[in-house]
């Protein structure tokens, strides 16, 4: 079972499980070492900035309305625990393999090429479909900003064909979400030009997003109605969405389903693991950065969802829809704080933009690594002659994300993103356990404590959240992975760099 240092490992089963050499990867990463400048506080700030985004402000309302009611706070706790287990495993991998590609590279070195392909293809659900999800949320808040100046994008041009309006837009069918496509095009163009947000701008966005959450918690606390929290865990029943999908509502299954829904709010913490090569003391700082940001965000999330579910009723979120739900709750129930609603809308819009940019960038990095390995066509790693960015990859993923953002409802793409990320976390937890047994000789700046208990708990908790998302999402994941396997056997397997070396 051990891997000979400096070589790739293959099996007799068609080399489907051949692995990349960790030793060679370490040499490659060491040829251009990065300056170690990040301390624990910087890593915590990085994690908070990556985590707080569309998930909190949009998916919380969906979980309250369709899954768990006020017990959404318990769902946030469960999702945070699952992320903590997976985060520890990410930290050990990052301390050994600080290479672009994230979970894809980790899997390639531990479980082989086929599993690496599956997780690389699966990461499209986290990054590309995630970017589409946030673009839909961006569209909702953009419409609110336009209303402040007397303008408005008609319902049919800011919603998918599968959505039907309520209230003043009752009976109106969506056609295409134009604002979502517009923001994806703008940010894809910025990535092609190589434009990067400065550290100062990023820090300002982080401070702004955290300040918004704290403001809503502090001010909204006095407007909560105890009746909205009774019963805190609704009796187990079902709820059918406007698209005709029936979910378990209330009880344990409602909380599990809600955990899978709000899990989207935690996506991004793995960005901390990619900074292992720049941490001053990875052994100490990586767990502090990952767990510290998760603990802070979980506390903020639980308090925020507790206030939001206490200010507005479950029926409010159902009848008014999930359109800019935080703003709706503030406007209807928090008398005298209309200024806060406007401030929240504008500031969240800026925060969403940065999240979309990071997700589109992350997707291009994963497919760049896969292209370098020969598993996807070279077009995904061809640099622009002037800007030296993978511009063709950026444009191809713009088309892909634009199709999702324009024509698919937010709740569907949001849950696809969650299930894809949960599946990736399960493979990372399994991978760190496998590598600990296969290559115990490797130097690990950080080691997961109580392995394999932590890895097993991570797999169980993430698996439980996948179970709670229901069979419709399982089916979407299976279909998506089946499409990926067809592509792998038709192209990736024969073009793999490991195959040509063999």
Protein backbone atom coordinates (compact mmCIF):
# COMPACT_ATOMS: atom_id res chain seq x y z
CA UNK A 1 0.00 0.00 0.00
CA UNK A 2 2.95 2.37 0.33
CA UNK A 3 3.96 4.73 -2.47
CA UNK A 4 7.57 4.69 -3.61
CA UNK A 5 8.95 8.22 -3.17
CA UNK A 6 9.35 10.15 -6.41
CA UNK A 7 7.12 7.89 -8.51
CA UNK A 8 3.49 7.63 -9.49
CA UNK A 9 1.59 4.56 -8.34
CA UNK A 10 -0.55 2.62 -10.79
CA UNK A 11 -2.72 -0.47 -10.48
CA UNK A 12 -3.56 -3.30 -12.82
CA UNK A 13 -7.18 -2.10 -13.16
CA UNK A 14 -6.50 0.08 -16.18
CA UNK A 15 -4.52 2.61 -14.12
CA UNK A 16 -7.76 4.22 -12.95
CA UNK A 17 -6.22 4.68 -9.52
CA UNK A 18 -2.72 5.85 -10.50
CA UNK A 19 -1.56 8.62 -8.17
CA UNK A 20 0.67 11.65 -8.52
CA UNK A 21 3.89 11.64 -6.54
CA UNK A 22 3.70 13.78 -3.41
CA UNK A 23 7.48 14.07 -3.39
CA UNK A 24 7.53 15.54 -6.89
CA UNK A 25 4.73 17.95 -5.98
CA UNK A 26 6.72 19.06 -2.93
CA UNK A 27 9.78 19.72 -5.09
CA UNK A 28 7.67 21.70 -7.58
CA UNK A 29 6.08 23.81 -4.84
CA UNK A 30 9.46 24.43 -3.24
CA UNK A 31 10.99 25.78 -6.45
CA UNK A 32 9.17 29.07 -5.97
CA UNK A 33 8.59 29.47 -2.23
CA UNK A 34 6.20 32.16 -1.04
CA UNK A 35 7.03 34.59 1.71
CA UNK A 36 5.60 33.55 5.06
CA UNK A 37 3.82 36.70 6.21
CA UNK A 38 0.41 35.52 7.49
CA UNK A 39 -0.18 35.15 11.20
CA UNK A 40 -3.23 33.65 12.94
CA UNK A 41 -5.24 36.91 12.91
CA UNK A 42 -4.64 37.38 9.19
CA UNK A 43 -5.79 33.83 8.50
CA UNK A 44 -8.91 34.27 10.64
CA UNK A 45 -9.72 37.49 8.74
CA UNK A 46 -9.16 35.64 5.44
CA UNK A 47 -11.58 32.92 6.50
CA UNK A 48 -14.28 35.33 7.67
CA UNK A 49 -14.00 37.30 4.43
CA UNK A 50 -14.40 34.16 2.34
CA UNK A 51 -17.23 32.65 4.40
CA UNK A 52 -19.71 35.50 4.96
CA UNK A 53 -21.59 36.05 1.73
CA UNK A 54 -24.78 35.12 -0.12
CA UNK A 55 -25.45 32.04 1.97
CA UNK A 56 -26.25 33.92 5.16
CA UNK A 57 -28.42 36.64 3.64
CA UNK A 58 -30.38 34.48 1.18
CA UNK A 59 -30.24 30.81 2.11
CA UNK A 60 -31.28 31.50 5.74
CA UNK A 61 -34.70 32.64 4.53
CA UNK A 62 -35.06 29.54 2.34
CA UNK A 63 -34.25 27.26 5.28
CA UNK A 64 -36.74 29.05 7.57
CA UNK A 65 -39.54 29.00 4.99
CA UNK A 66 -39.13 25.52 3.54
CA UNK A 67 -37.28 23.33 6.05
CA UNK A 68 -36.96 24.13 9.73
CA UNK A 69 -38.67 27.35 10.83
CA UNK A 70 -36.89 29.01 13.80
CA UNK A 71 -34.81 25.87 14.49
CA UNK A 72 -32.60 27.03 11.62
CA UNK A 73 -30.18 28.03 14.41
CA UNK A 74 -29.65 24.32 15.17
CA UNK A 75 -29.04 23.72 11.46
CA UNK A 76 -26.28 26.35 11.46
CA UNK A 77 -24.65 24.66 14.45
CA UNK A 78 -24.75 21.26 12.74
CA UNK A 79 -23.31 22.65 9.52
CA UNK A 80 -20.55 24.40 11.49
CA UNK A 81 -19.58 21.14 13.22
CA UNK A 82 -19.36 19.35 9.87
CA UNK A 83 -17.16 22.13 8.49
CA UNK A 84 -14.89 21.96 11.56
CA UNK A 85 -14.16 18.25 11.01
CA UNK A 86 -13.51 18.79 7.30
CA UNK A 87 -11.48 21.92 8.06
CA UNK A 88 -9.03 20.00 10.23
CA UNK A 89 -8.48 17.54 7.37
CA UNK A 90 -7.97 20.41 4.93
CA UNK A 91 -5.37 21.88 7.28
CA UNK A 92 -3.28 18.68 7.34
CA UNK A 93 -3.39 18.37 3.55
CA UNK A 94 -2.52 22.05 3.07
CA UNK A 95 0.52 21.72 5.35
CA UNK A 96 1.83 18.86 3.17
CA UNK A 97 0.68 19.82 -0.34
CA UNK A 98 0.44 23.63 -0.71
CA UNK A 99 -0.39 23.36 -4.42
CA UNK A 100 -3.09 24.95 -6.58
CA UNK A 101 -6.07 22.66 -7.14
CA UNK A 102 -7.27 22.23 -3.55
CA UNK A 103 -9.23 19.00 -2.94
CA UNK A 104 -8.59 17.86 -6.54
CA UNK A 105 -4.83 17.74 -5.97
CA UNK A 106 -5.27 16.15 -2.54
CA UNK A 107 -7.35 13.33 -4.05
CA UNK A 108 -4.94 12.80 -6.95
CA UNK A 109 -2.12 12.04 -4.49
CA UNK A 110 -4.15 9.71 -2.24
CA UNK A 111 -7.03 7.98 -3.99
CA UNK A 112 -5.93 8.11 -7.60
CA UNK A 113 -6.83 9.66 -10.93
CA UNK A 114 -10.44 8.50 -11.20
CA UNK A 115 -11.35 9.87 -7.76
CA UNK A 116 -9.39 13.06 -8.55
CA UNK A 117 -11.42 13.49 -11.71
CA UNK A 118 -14.66 12.95 -9.82
CA UNK A 119 -13.80 15.55 -7.20
CA UNK A 120 -12.47 18.02 -9.81
CA UNK A 121 -15.71 17.65 -11.74
CA UNK A 122 -17.63 17.88 -8.47
CA UNK A 123 -15.85 21.14 -7.57
CA UNK A 124 -17.59 22.73 -10.55
CA UNK A 125 -20.71 22.49 -8.39
CA UNK A 126 -18.93 24.37 -5.58
CA UNK A 127 -17.30 27.12 -7.59
CA UNK A 128 -19.06 27.59 -10.93
CA UNK A 129 -22.60 26.74 -9.81
CA UNK A 130 -21.83 28.58 -6.56
CA UNK A 131 -20.97 31.70 -8.55
CA UNK A 132 -24.26 31.33 -10.42
CA UNK A 133 -26.13 31.06 -7.11
CA UNK A 134 -24.56 34.24 -5.76
CA UNK A 135 -25.24 36.04 -9.06
CA UNK A 136 -28.96 35.30 -8.58
CA UNK A 137 -28.78 36.74 -5.05
CA UNK A 138 -26.87 39.73 -6.47
CA UNK A 139 -29.72 40.27 -8.94
CA UNK A 140 -32.29 40.38 -6.13
CA UNK A 141 -30.37 43.02 -4.20
CA UNK A 142 -29.52 44.97 -7.35
CA UNK A 143 -33.24 45.36 -8.02
CA UNK A 144 -33.69 46.71 -4.50
CA UNK A 145 -30.96 49.31 -5.07
CA UNK A 146 -32.62 50.37 -8.33
CA UNK A 147 -35.92 50.84 -6.50
CA UNK A 148 -34.26 53.40 -4.23
CA UNK A 149 -33.71 55.63 -7.28
CA UNK A 150 -37.07 54.95 -8.90
CA UNK A 151 -35.96 52.25 -11.35
CA UNK A 152 -36.82 48.56 -11.60
CA UNK A 153 -35.96 45.51 -13.68
CA UNK A 154 -39.26 43.81 -14.62
CA UNK A 155 -39.94 40.51 -12.88
CA UNK A 156 -39.79 38.51 -16.11
CA UNK A 157 -36.27 39.82 -16.86
CA UNK A 158 -34.86 39.23 -13.36
CA UNK A 159 -36.11 35.66 -12.75
CA UNK A 160 -35.81 32.22 -14.30
CA UNK A 161 -38.58 30.69 -16.46
CA UNK A 162 -39.34 28.28 -13.60
CA UNK A 163 -40.35 31.04 -11.18
CA UNK A 164 -43.77 32.69 -10.82
CA UNK A 165 -44.23 36.03 -9.07
CA UNK A 166 -46.23 36.68 -5.92
CA UNK A 167 -47.78 39.80 -4.43
CA UNK A 168 -47.76 42.65 -6.98
CA UNK A 169 -46.17 40.28 -9.52
CA UNK A 170 -48.69 37.49 -8.96
CA UNK A 171 -49.00 35.25 -12.01
CA UNK A 172 -46.03 36.77 -13.84
CA UNK A 173 -43.60 34.16 -15.21
CA UNK A 174 -39.88 34.79 -15.36
CA UNK A 175 -38.08 34.68 -18.72
CA UNK A 176 -34.39 35.31 -18.02
CA UNK A 177 -32.34 36.76 -15.14
CA UNK A 178 -30.51 39.53 -17.01
CA UNK A 179 -28.76 41.22 -14.01
CA UNK A 180 -27.24 37.86 -12.99
CA UNK A 181 -25.75 37.41 -16.46
CA UNK A 182 -24.47 41.00 -16.46
CA UNK A 183 -22.51 40.71 -13.19
CA UNK A 184 -21.02 37.36 -14.28
CA UNK A 185 -19.87 38.91 -17.56
CA UNK A 186 -18.37 41.96 -15.82
CA UNK A 187 -16.42 39.94 -13.26
CA UNK A 188 -15.27 37.37 -15.86
CA UNK A 189 -13.89 40.29 -17.90
CA UNK A 190 -12.04 41.56 -14.80
CA UNK A 191 -10.48 38.13 -14.28
CA UNK A 192 -9.37 38.00 -17.89
CA UNK A 193 -7.61 41.35 -17.49
CA UNK A 194 -5.96 40.03 -14.34
CA UNK A 195 -7.44 42.75 -12.14
CA UNK A 196 -7.01 41.91 -8.45
CA UNK A 197 -8.64 43.61 -5.51
CA UNK A 198 -6.10 45.20 -3.25
CA UNK A 199 -5.67 44.02 0.33
CA UNK A 200 -7.15 47.31 1.56
CA UNK A 201 -10.34 46.90 -0.52
CA UNK A 202 -10.71 43.28 0.57
CA UNK A 203 -10.31 44.28 4.21
CA UNK A 204 -12.93 47.00 3.84
CA UNK A 205 -15.38 44.51 2.33
CA UNK A 206 -14.76 42.09 5.22
CA UNK A 207 -15.30 44.82 7.82
CA UNK A 208 -18.44 45.99 6.01
CA UNK A 209 -20.01 42.52 5.85
CA UNK A 210 -19.28 41.76 9.50
CA UNK A 211 -20.57 45.20 10.53
CA UNK A 212 -23.85 44.54 8.68
CA UNK A 213 -24.38 41.24 10.45
CA UNK A 214 -23.64 42.76 13.86
CA UNK A 215 -25.93 45.76 13.18
CA UNK A 216 -28.85 43.51 12.26
CA UNK A 217 -28.27 41.36 15.35
CA UNK A 218 -27.94 44.26 17.81
CA UNK A 219 -30.78 46.41 16.46
CA UNK A 220 -33.08 43.54 15.49
CA UNK A 221 -32.83 41.91 18.92
CA UNK A 222 -35.28 44.46 20.34
CA UNK A 223 -37.82 43.80 17.59
CA UNK A 224 -38.12 40.02 18.05
CA UNK A 225 -41.56 38.58 18.76
CA UNK A 226 -41.38 35.49 21.07
CA UNK A 227 -44.46 34.07 19.30
CA UNK A 228 -42.37 33.62 16.15
CA UNK A 229 -40.13 31.19 18.05
CA UNK A 230 -43.02 29.02 19.25
CA UNK A 231 -42.67 26.14 18.68
CA UNK A 232 -38.92 26.40 18.20
CA UNK A 233 -38.81 23.00 16.46
CA UNK A 234 -42.02 22.68 14.42
CA UNK A 235 -43.80 19.32 14.26
CA UNK A 236 -42.63 17.10 11.42
CA UNK A 237 -44.65 17.64 8.24
CA UNK A 238 -43.93 18.53 4.60
CA UNK A 239 -43.71 21.71 2.53
CA UNK A 240 -44.19 22.05 -1.23
CA UNK A 241 -42.32 24.86 -3.00
CA UNK A 242 -43.70 27.02 -5.82
CA UNK A 243 -41.76 24.74 -8.23
CA UNK A 244 -43.74 21.73 -6.96
CA UNK A 245 -40.89 20.14 -4.96
CA UNK A 246 -41.93 18.64 -1.59
CA UNK A 247 -39.48 18.75 1.35
CA UNK A 248 -39.70 17.44 4.92
CA UNK A 249 -40.51 20.39 7.19
CA UNK A 250 -39.91 20.50 10.93
CA UNK A 251 -38.62 17.76 13.20
CA UNK A 252 -35.19 16.15 12.82
CA UNK A 253 -35.42 15.77 9.04
CA UNK A 254 -36.31 19.44 8.71
CA UNK A 255 -33.21 20.43 10.68
CA UNK A 256 -31.01 18.07 8.62
CA UNK A 257 -32.45 19.48 5.41
CA UNK A 258 -31.97 23.03 6.66
CA UNK A 259 -28.34 22.22 7.56
CA UNK A 260 -27.77 21.12 3.97
CA UNK A 261 -29.39 24.32 2.69
CA UNK A 262 -27.52 26.76 4.97
CA UNK A 263 -24.28 24.83 4.48
CA UNK A 264 -23.87 27.11 1.45
CA UNK A 265 -23.24 29.89 3.96
CA UNK A 266 -19.99 28.19 5.06
CA UNK A 267 -18.54 27.60 1.61
CA UNK A 268 -15.23 29.41 1.32
CA UNK A 269 -13.51 28.46 4.59
CA UNK A 270 -11.27 26.09 2.61
CA UNK A 271 -9.65 29.24 1.20
CA UNK A 272 -7.70 29.38 4.46
CA UNK A 273 -6.12 25.99 3.72
CA UNK A 274 -4.66 27.31 0.47
CA UNK A 275 -2.59 29.83 2.43
CA UNK A 276 -0.47 27.18 4.18
CA UNK A 277 2.63 28.13 2.18
CA UNK A 278 2.34 31.74 3.36
CA UNK A 279 1.60 31.08 7.04
CA UNK A 280 4.35 32.04 9.48
CA UNK A 281 3.83 28.93 11.59
CA UNK A 282 1.52 26.47 9.75
CA UNK A 283 1.47 23.97 12.62
CA UNK A 284 -0.01 26.54 14.98
CA UNK A 285 -1.63 29.08 12.64
CA UNK A 286 -3.57 26.85 10.21
CA UNK A 287 -5.94 25.30 12.79
CA UNK A 288 -6.36 28.71 14.43
CA UNK A 289 -7.22 30.30 11.08
CA UNK A 290 -9.65 27.60 9.98
CA UNK A 291 -11.34 26.85 13.30
CA UNK A 292 -11.18 30.47 14.49
CA UNK A 293 -13.00 31.78 11.42
CA UNK A 294 -15.53 28.93 11.62
CA UNK A 295 -16.27 29.56 15.31
CA UNK A 296 -16.69 33.33 14.82
CA UNK A 297 -18.91 32.89 11.75
CA UNK A 298 -21.00 30.17 13.42
CA UNK A 299 -21.68 32.44 16.40
CA UNK A 300 -22.65 35.30 14.07
CA UNK A 301 -24.78 32.97 11.94
CA UNK A 302 -26.69 31.49 14.89
CA UNK A 303 -27.37 34.94 16.39
CA UNK A 304 -28.32 36.39 12.99
CA UNK A 305 -30.75 33.56 12.11
CA UNK A 306 -32.24 33.68 15.64
CA UNK A 307 -32.99 37.40 15.23
CA UNK A 308 -34.25 37.09 11.65
CA UNK A 309 -36.64 34.24 12.52
CA UNK A 310 -37.80 36.19 15.58
CA UNK A 311 -38.45 39.46 13.75
CA UNK A 312 -40.47 38.00 10.83
CA UNK A 313 -42.80 35.00 10.70
CA UNK A 314 -42.32 31.82 8.71
CA UNK A 315 -45.36 32.79 6.67
CA UNK A 316 -43.70 36.11 5.80
CA UNK A 317 -40.83 34.29 4.12
CA UNK A 318 -43.24 32.00 2.31
CA UNK A 319 -45.68 34.62 1.00
CA UNK A 320 -43.16 37.33 0.21
CA UNK A 321 -40.61 34.89 -1.19
CA UNK A 322 -36.89 34.96 -0.54
CA UNK A 323 -36.33 38.22 -2.42
CA UNK A 324 -33.91 40.25 -0.32
CA UNK A 325 -35.39 38.68 2.80
CA UNK A 326 -33.29 40.60 5.32
CA UNK A 327 -34.33 43.92 3.82
CA UNK A 328 -37.96 42.78 3.77
CA UNK A 329 -37.89 41.87 7.47
CA UNK A 330 -36.24 45.16 8.43
CA UNK A 331 -38.62 47.25 6.32
CA UNK A 332 -41.82 45.56 7.57
CA UNK A 333 -41.08 45.10 11.25
CA UNK A 334 -38.19 47.34 12.35
CA UNK A 335 -39.95 50.71 12.39
CA UNK A 336 -37.65 53.70 12.01
CA UNK A 337 -34.75 51.75 10.50
CA UNK A 338 -35.43 52.18 6.78
CA UNK A 339 -31.91 53.64 6.53
CA UNK A 340 -30.50 50.34 7.80
CA UNK A 341 -32.37 48.43 5.09
CA UNK A 342 -30.86 50.64 2.37
CA UNK A 343 -27.38 50.43 3.87
CA UNK A 344 -27.67 46.65 4.13
CA UNK A 345 -28.73 46.34 0.49
CA UNK A 346 -25.90 48.43 -0.98
CA UNK A 347 -23.21 46.93 1.23
CA UNK A 348 -24.34 43.33 0.64
CA UNK A 349 -24.29 43.99 -3.10
CA UNK A 350 -20.59 44.86 -2.89
CA UNK A 351 -19.91 41.81 -0.74
CA UNK A 352 -21.66 39.50 -3.20
CA UNK A 353 -19.52 40.87 -6.02
CA UNK A 354 -16.31 39.87 -4.23
CA UNK A 355 -17.68 36.38 -3.49
CA UNK A 356 -18.56 35.81 -7.18
CA UNK A 357 -15.09 36.98 -8.19
CA UNK A 358 -13.40 34.55 -5.77
CA UNK A 359 -15.57 31.62 -6.92
CA UNK A 360 -14.92 32.27 -10.61
CA UNK A 361 -11.22 32.56 -9.85
CA UNK A 362 -11.24 29.32 -7.83
CA UNK A 363 -12.97 27.45 -10.64
CA UNK A 364 -10.38 28.59 -13.17
CA UNK A 365 -7.56 27.44 -10.84
CA UNK A 366 -9.02 23.94 -10.42
CA UNK A 367 -9.53 23.44 -14.15
CA UNK A 368 -6.11 24.98 -14.80
CA UNK A 369 -4.58 22.21 -12.68
CA UNK A 370 -6.71 19.56 -14.41
CA UNK A 371 -5.69 20.90 -17.80
CA UNK A 372 -2.01 20.82 -16.82
CA UNK A 373 -2.53 17.17 -15.87
CA UNK A 374 -4.13 16.46 -19.26
CA UNK A 375 -7.55 15.50 -17.87
CA UNK A 376 -9.34 18.39 -19.63
CA UNK A 377 -8.38 20.12 -22.90
CA UNK A 378 -5.47 22.56 -23.01
CA UNK A 379 -7.90 25.40 -23.72
CA UNK A 380 -8.44 25.63 -19.95
CA UNK A 381 -4.78 26.50 -19.33
CA UNK A 382 -3.95 28.58 -22.42
CA UNK A 383 -2.79 32.03 -21.23
CA UNK A 384 -3.89 35.31 -22.80
CA UNK A 385 -1.03 36.70 -24.92
CA UNK A 386 -1.17 40.06 -23.09
CA UNK A 387 -2.74 39.52 -19.66
CA UNK A 388 -1.27 36.03 -19.02
CA UNK A 389 -4.55 34.73 -17.60
CA UNK A 390 -6.52 31.58 -18.63
CA UNK A 391 -8.93 33.76 -20.60
CA UNK A 392 -10.54 31.02 -22.69
CA UNK A 393 -11.33 29.12 -19.51
CA UNK A 394 -12.85 32.26 -17.99
CA UNK A 395 -15.07 32.81 -21.03
CA UNK A 396 -16.20 29.17 -21.20
CA UNK A 397 -17.16 29.24 -17.53
CA UNK A 398 -18.92 32.56 -18.04
CA UNK A 399 -21.19 30.86 -20.58
CA UNK A 400 -21.75 27.93 -18.19
CA UNK A 401 -22.50 30.05 -15.12
CA UNK A 402 -24.61 32.49 -17.14
CA UNK A 403 -26.89 29.65 -18.30
CA UNK A 404 -27.44 28.60 -14.68
CA UNK A 405 -27.80 32.17 -13.41
CA UNK A 406 -30.23 33.16 -16.18
CA UNK A 407 -32.52 30.14 -16.33
CA UNK A 408 -32.36 28.09 -13.08
CA UNK A 409 -34.08 29.09 -9.77
CA UNK A 410 -31.81 30.11 -6.88
CA UNK A 411 -32.93 27.36 -4.51
CA UNK A 412 -32.03 24.61 -7.00
CA UNK A 413 -28.53 25.89 -7.82
CA UNK A 414 -27.91 26.72 -4.16
CA UNK A 415 -28.64 23.16 -3.05
CA UNK A 416 -26.60 21.73 -5.95
CA UNK A 417 -23.67 23.80 -4.70
CA UNK A 418 -24.16 22.52 -1.14
CA UNK A 419 -24.33 18.85 -2.11
CA UNK A 420 -21.30 19.17 -4.38
CA UNK A 421 -19.23 20.77 -1.63
CA UNK A 422 -20.36 18.26 1.00
CA UNK A 423 -19.31 15.43 -1.31
CA UNK A 424 -15.89 17.07 -1.77
CA UNK A 425 -15.50 17.37 2.01
CA UNK A 426 -16.26 13.67 2.45
CA UNK A 427 -13.49 12.77 -0.01
CA UNK A 428 -11.02 15.11 1.74
CA UNK A 429 -11.80 13.51 5.12
CA UNK A 430 -11.29 10.05 3.61
CA UNK A 431 -8.14 11.16 1.80
CA UNK A 432 -6.31 12.43 4.88
CA UNK A 433 -7.04 9.13 6.64
CA UNK A 434 -5.81 7.09 3.65
CA UNK A 435 -2.62 9.14 3.29
CA UNK A 436 -1.85 8.89 7.02
CA UNK A 437 -1.83 5.09 6.63
CA UNK A 438 -0.16 4.97 3.21
CA UNK A 439 2.57 7.55 3.78
CA UNK A 440 3.18 7.92 7.54
CA UNK A 441 6.74 9.08 6.72
CA UNK A 442 5.64 12.40 5.20
CA UNK A 443 6.40 15.57 7.13
CA UNK A 444 3.16 17.15 8.34
CA UNK A 445 3.37 20.69 9.71
CA UNK A 446 -0.11 20.13 11.13
CA UNK A 447 -1.64 16.78 12.08
CA UNK A 448 -5.36 16.14 12.56
CA UNK A 449 -5.87 15.12 16.21
CA UNK A 450 -7.71 11.91 17.06
CA UNK A 451 -7.51 10.48 13.55
CA UNK A 452 -9.42 8.48 12.28
CA UNK A 453 -12.20 9.61 14.67
CA UNK A 454 -12.26 13.18 13.29
CA UNK A 455 -12.27 11.96 9.67
CA UNK A 456 -15.07 9.48 10.36
CA UNK A 457 -17.16 12.12 12.16
CA UNK A 458 -16.60 14.53 9.24
CA UNK A 459 -17.80 11.87 6.79
CA UNK A 460 -20.84 11.02 8.95
CA UNK A 461 -21.95 14.62 9.56
CA UNK A 462 -21.48 15.70 5.93
CA UNK A 463 -23.23 12.51 4.81
CA UNK A 464 -26.15 13.28 7.12
CA UNK A 465 -26.52 16.74 5.57
CA UNK A 466 -26.46 15.20 2.08
CA UNK A 467 -29.17 12.79 3.23
CA UNK A 468 -31.24 15.72 4.50
CA UNK A 469 -31.13 17.46 1.11
CA UNK A 470 -33.41 14.79 -0.32
CA UNK A 471 -33.53 12.47 -3.33
CA UNK A 472 -33.95 15.24 -5.92
CA UNK A 473 -30.52 16.62 -5.04
CA UNK A 474 -29.00 13.13 -4.87
CA UNK A 475 -30.31 12.54 -8.39
CA UNK A 476 -28.85 15.82 -9.66
CA UNK A 477 -25.46 14.92 -8.18
CA UNK A 478 -25.54 11.42 -9.70
CA UNK A 479 -26.48 12.78 -13.13
CA UNK A 480 -23.76 15.42 -12.92
CA UNK A 481 -21.10 12.87 -11.93
CA UNK A 482 -22.30 10.48 -14.68
CA UNK A 483 -21.80 13.22 -17.27
CA UNK A 484 -18.31 13.78 -15.87
CA UNK A 485 -17.43 10.08 -16.05
CA UNK A 486 -18.46 9.97 -19.72
CA UNK A 487 -16.10 12.86 -20.41
CA UNK A 488 -13.28 11.22 -18.42
CA UNK A 489 -13.45 7.89 -20.25
CA UNK A 490 -13.89 9.61 -23.62
CA UNK A 491 -11.04 12.12 -23.17
CA UNK A 492 -9.32 12.47 -19.79
CA UNK A 493 -8.14 8.89 -19.26
CA UNK A 494 -6.23 8.69 -22.56
CA UNK A 495 -4.84 12.25 -22.42
CA UNK A 496 -3.66 12.12 -18.80
CA UNK A 497 -0.01 13.10 -18.31
CA UNK A 498 0.46 10.02 -16.13
CA UNK A 499 -0.88 7.86 -18.99
CA UNK A 500 1.51 9.38 -21.54
CA UNK A 501 4.44 8.98 -19.11
CA UNK A 502 3.54 5.32 -18.63
